[in-house]
N, C-alpha and C. Protein backbone atom coordinates (compact mmCIF):
# COMPACT_ATOMS: atom_id res chain seq x y z
N UNK A 1 88.29 90.50 102.25
CA UNK A 1 89.00 91.45 103.07
C UNK A 1 88.84 91.05 104.52
N UNK A 2 89.93 91.09 105.23
CA UNK A 2 89.87 90.83 106.65
C UNK A 2 90.67 91.90 107.38
N UNK A 3 90.19 92.34 108.52
CA UNK A 3 90.98 93.32 109.27
C UNK A 3 92.22 92.64 109.83
N UNK A 4 93.25 93.40 110.13
CA UNK A 4 94.48 92.81 110.62
C UNK A 4 94.33 92.16 111.99
N UNK A 5 93.35 92.57 112.76
CA UNK A 5 93.16 91.99 114.08
C UNK A 5 91.77 92.34 114.60
N UNK A 6 91.34 91.68 115.64
CA UNK A 6 90.06 92.02 116.26
C UNK A 6 90.10 93.43 116.82
N UNK A 7 91.26 93.84 117.32
CA UNK A 7 91.41 95.20 117.85
C UNK A 7 91.20 96.24 116.74
N UNK A 8 91.78 95.99 115.57
CA UNK A 8 91.60 96.91 114.44
C UNK A 8 90.14 96.95 114.02
N UNK A 9 89.49 95.80 113.98
CA UNK A 9 88.07 95.77 113.62
C UNK A 9 87.25 96.56 114.63
N UNK A 10 87.55 96.40 115.91
CA UNK A 10 86.85 97.15 116.95
C UNK A 10 87.03 98.65 116.75
N UNK A 11 88.26 99.07 116.44
CA UNK A 11 88.52 100.50 116.22
C UNK A 11 87.75 101.02 115.01
N UNK A 12 87.71 100.25 113.94
CA UNK A 12 86.97 100.67 112.75
C UNK A 12 85.49 100.82 113.08
N UNK A 13 84.94 99.84 113.78
CA UNK A 13 83.52 99.89 114.13
C UNK A 13 83.23 101.09 115.02
N UNK A 14 84.12 101.37 115.96
CA UNK A 14 83.89 102.49 116.87
C UNK A 14 84.11 103.84 116.22
N UNK A 15 85.04 103.93 115.28
CA UNK A 15 85.39 105.23 114.73
C UNK A 15 84.71 105.56 113.41
N UNK A 16 84.20 104.58 112.70
CA UNK A 16 83.58 104.86 111.41
C UNK A 16 82.23 104.17 111.31
N UNK A 17 81.32 104.62 112.11
CA UNK A 17 80.00 103.98 112.15
C UNK A 17 79.24 104.13 110.84
N UNK A 18 79.48 105.22 110.09
CA UNK A 18 78.77 105.40 108.81
C UNK A 18 79.19 104.32 107.81
N UNK A 19 80.50 104.03 107.74
CA UNK A 19 80.96 102.99 106.83
C UNK A 19 80.39 101.63 107.25
N UNK A 20 80.45 101.34 108.53
CA UNK A 20 79.93 100.06 109.02
C UNK A 20 78.44 99.95 108.72
N UNK A 21 77.68 101.02 108.94
CA UNK A 21 76.24 100.99 108.67
C UNK A 21 75.96 100.76 107.19
N UNK A 22 76.71 101.44 106.32
CA UNK A 22 76.52 101.26 104.88
C UNK A 22 76.85 99.84 104.45
N UNK A 23 77.96 99.31 104.95
CA UNK A 23 78.33 97.94 104.59
C UNK A 23 77.28 96.95 105.08
N UNK A 24 76.81 97.13 106.30
CA UNK A 24 75.79 96.23 106.83
C UNK A 24 74.48 96.35 106.06
N UNK A 25 74.09 97.57 105.73
CA UNK A 25 72.82 97.78 105.03
C UNK A 25 72.83 97.12 103.65
N UNK A 26 73.94 97.29 102.93
CA UNK A 26 73.98 96.79 101.56
C UNK A 26 74.50 95.37 101.43
N UNK A 27 75.36 94.94 102.37
CA UNK A 27 76.05 93.67 102.17
C UNK A 27 75.99 92.74 103.37
N UNK A 28 75.17 93.04 104.34
CA UNK A 28 75.09 92.23 105.55
C UNK A 28 74.65 90.81 105.30
N UNK A 29 73.89 90.58 104.24
CA UNK A 29 73.41 89.23 103.98
C UNK A 29 74.22 88.49 102.90
N UNK A 30 75.36 89.03 102.53
CA UNK A 30 76.21 88.36 101.53
C UNK A 30 76.79 87.08 102.12
N UNK A 31 76.97 86.09 101.29
CA UNK A 31 77.56 84.84 101.74
C UNK A 31 79.04 85.04 102.05
N UNK A 32 79.61 84.07 102.73
CA UNK A 32 81.02 84.20 103.15
C UNK A 32 81.96 84.39 101.97
N UNK A 33 81.63 83.83 100.81
CA UNK A 33 82.51 83.98 99.65
C UNK A 33 82.20 85.24 98.85
N UNK A 34 81.38 86.10 99.38
CA UNK A 34 80.99 87.32 98.69
C UNK A 34 79.60 87.19 98.13
N UNK A 35 79.39 86.21 97.26
CA UNK A 35 78.07 85.94 96.70
C UNK A 35 77.41 87.15 96.06
N UNK A 36 78.18 88.12 95.64
CA UNK A 36 77.62 89.34 95.09
C UNK A 36 77.50 89.23 93.58
N UNK A 37 76.37 89.72 93.06
CA UNK A 37 76.26 89.79 91.61
C UNK A 37 76.99 91.04 91.13
N UNK A 38 77.03 91.26 89.83
CA UNK A 38 77.81 92.37 89.28
C UNK A 38 77.36 93.72 89.83
N UNK A 39 76.06 93.96 89.89
CA UNK A 39 75.56 95.24 90.39
C UNK A 39 75.93 95.45 91.86
N UNK A 40 75.81 94.41 92.65
CA UNK A 40 76.18 94.52 94.07
C UNK A 40 77.67 94.76 94.23
N UNK A 41 78.48 94.06 93.44
CA UNK A 41 79.93 94.23 93.50
C UNK A 41 80.30 95.66 93.10
N UNK A 42 79.65 96.20 92.07
CA UNK A 42 79.91 97.58 91.66
C UNK A 42 79.55 98.55 92.78
N UNK A 43 78.41 98.33 93.46
CA UNK A 43 78.02 99.21 94.56
C UNK A 43 79.01 99.12 95.72
N UNK A 44 79.49 97.92 96.01
CA UNK A 44 80.48 97.76 97.08
C UNK A 44 81.76 98.50 96.72
N UNK A 45 82.24 98.36 95.49
CA UNK A 45 83.46 99.06 95.08
C UNK A 45 83.24 100.57 95.07
N UNK A 46 82.04 101.04 94.72
CA UNK A 46 81.72 102.48 94.82
C UNK A 46 81.87 102.95 96.26
N UNK A 47 81.25 102.22 97.17
CA UNK A 47 81.26 102.60 98.58
C UNK A 47 82.69 102.62 99.13
N UNK A 48 83.44 101.56 98.87
CA UNK A 48 84.81 101.50 99.36
C UNK A 48 85.68 102.57 98.69
N UNK A 49 85.49 102.75 97.38
CA UNK A 49 86.27 103.75 96.66
C UNK A 49 86.03 105.16 97.18
N UNK A 50 84.76 105.51 97.36
CA UNK A 50 84.45 106.86 97.87
C UNK A 50 85.02 107.04 99.27
N UNK A 51 84.94 106.01 100.10
CA UNK A 51 85.43 106.13 101.46
C UNK A 51 86.95 106.25 101.52
N UNK A 52 87.64 105.38 100.80
CA UNK A 52 89.10 105.31 100.94
C UNK A 52 89.88 106.20 99.98
N UNK A 53 89.39 106.42 98.76
CA UNK A 53 90.18 107.22 97.82
C UNK A 53 89.39 108.38 97.22
N UNK A 54 88.15 108.56 97.67
CA UNK A 54 87.38 109.73 97.25
C UNK A 54 86.79 109.67 95.86
N UNK A 55 86.72 108.50 95.26
CA UNK A 55 86.07 108.40 93.94
C UNK A 55 85.41 107.03 93.78
N UNK A 56 84.41 107.02 92.93
CA UNK A 56 83.63 105.80 92.69
C UNK A 56 84.32 104.89 91.69
N UNK A 57 83.82 103.68 91.64
CA UNK A 57 84.26 102.66 90.70
C UNK A 57 84.15 103.19 89.27
N UNK A 58 85.20 103.15 88.45
CA UNK A 58 85.15 103.68 87.09
C UNK A 58 84.45 102.69 86.14
N UNK A 59 83.25 103.00 85.76
CA UNK A 59 82.49 102.08 84.90
C UNK A 59 82.85 102.21 83.43
N UNK A 60 83.47 103.30 83.08
CA UNK A 60 83.90 103.44 81.69
C UNK A 60 85.42 103.53 81.68
N UNK A 61 85.99 103.26 80.57
CA UNK A 61 87.44 103.24 80.49
C UNK A 61 87.92 101.82 80.34
N UNK A 62 89.16 101.68 80.03
CA UNK A 62 89.73 100.36 79.80
C UNK A 62 90.25 99.71 81.07
N UNK A 63 90.94 98.62 80.87
CA UNK A 63 91.52 97.88 81.98
C UNK A 63 92.56 98.69 82.73
N UNK A 64 93.25 99.60 82.04
CA UNK A 64 94.24 100.43 82.72
C UNK A 64 93.58 101.29 83.79
N UNK A 65 92.42 101.86 83.48
CA UNK A 65 91.68 102.68 84.44
C UNK A 65 91.27 101.82 85.63
N UNK A 66 90.77 100.63 85.34
CA UNK A 66 90.34 99.71 86.40
C UNK A 66 91.53 99.31 87.28
N UNK A 67 92.64 98.97 86.67
CA UNK A 67 93.82 98.58 87.43
C UNK A 67 94.31 99.72 88.33
N UNK A 68 94.31 100.95 87.81
CA UNK A 68 94.74 102.08 88.63
C UNK A 68 93.80 102.29 89.82
N UNK A 69 92.48 102.17 89.56
CA UNK A 69 91.51 102.32 90.64
C UNK A 69 91.73 101.25 91.71
N UNK A 70 91.80 99.99 91.30
CA UNK A 70 91.98 98.88 92.25
C UNK A 70 93.31 99.02 92.99
N UNK A 71 94.35 99.40 92.28
CA UNK A 71 95.65 99.60 92.93
C UNK A 71 95.59 100.68 93.99
N UNK A 72 94.97 101.82 93.66
CA UNK A 72 94.84 102.92 94.62
C UNK A 72 93.98 102.49 95.81
N UNK A 73 92.90 101.77 95.54
CA UNK A 73 92.02 101.30 96.61
C UNK A 73 92.76 100.32 97.53
N UNK A 74 93.47 99.37 96.95
CA UNK A 74 94.21 98.40 97.77
C UNK A 74 95.28 99.09 98.61
N UNK A 75 96.00 100.04 98.03
CA UNK A 75 97.03 100.75 98.80
C UNK A 75 96.41 101.54 99.95
N UNK A 76 95.29 102.21 99.70
CA UNK A 76 94.63 103.00 100.74
C UNK A 76 94.09 102.11 101.85
N UNK A 77 93.51 100.98 101.48
CA UNK A 77 92.97 100.08 102.50
C UNK A 77 94.09 99.42 103.29
N UNK A 78 95.17 99.09 102.64
CA UNK A 78 96.33 98.51 103.34
C UNK A 78 96.91 99.54 104.31
N UNK A 79 97.00 100.79 103.87
CA UNK A 79 97.50 101.85 104.74
C UNK A 79 96.60 102.06 105.95
N UNK A 80 95.31 101.75 105.79
CA UNK A 80 94.36 101.88 106.90
C UNK A 80 94.37 100.65 107.80
N UNK A 81 95.22 99.67 107.48
CA UNK A 81 95.38 98.52 108.35
C UNK A 81 94.64 97.26 107.93
N UNK A 82 94.07 97.24 106.73
CA UNK A 82 93.36 96.04 106.27
C UNK A 82 94.33 95.13 105.54
N UNK A 83 94.16 93.82 105.72
CA UNK A 83 94.90 92.84 104.92
C UNK A 83 93.96 92.42 103.80
N UNK A 84 94.44 92.45 102.58
CA UNK A 84 93.58 92.19 101.43
C UNK A 84 94.10 91.04 100.59
N UNK A 85 93.17 90.18 100.19
CA UNK A 85 93.48 89.26 99.12
C UNK A 85 93.27 90.06 97.84
N UNK A 86 93.85 89.62 96.77
CA UNK A 86 93.66 90.34 95.51
C UNK A 86 92.18 90.40 95.18
N UNK A 87 91.73 91.57 94.76
CA UNK A 87 90.34 91.71 94.35
C UNK A 87 90.11 90.87 93.11
N UNK A 88 89.04 90.14 93.08
CA UNK A 88 88.66 89.38 91.89
C UNK A 88 87.48 90.10 91.27
N UNK A 89 87.67 90.60 90.08
CA UNK A 89 86.62 91.37 89.42
C UNK A 89 86.31 90.73 88.09
N UNK A 90 85.07 90.32 87.96
CA UNK A 90 84.62 89.74 86.71
C UNK A 90 83.73 90.74 86.00
N UNK A 91 83.90 90.83 84.73
CA UNK A 91 83.09 91.78 83.95
C UNK A 91 81.71 91.22 83.71
């Protein structure tokens, strides 16, 4: 995920310090390619899901549930001004 511009990133940092603090606390040491294991990836999706669409990552349910969650999350983040590559989720 990359913000659309440095200005947008500055606005996010200034206006949503709780999200920035949570991301830094849990994922500040992640490698540039993500480098997250399954548990870390699930926690990141929980955090983003709760922030942007008001619900956590659905751990139960089929691929349809997962696709709907990811679709809703991507739409909400795009509406907030983020440019997203497709989420890559490995089980």
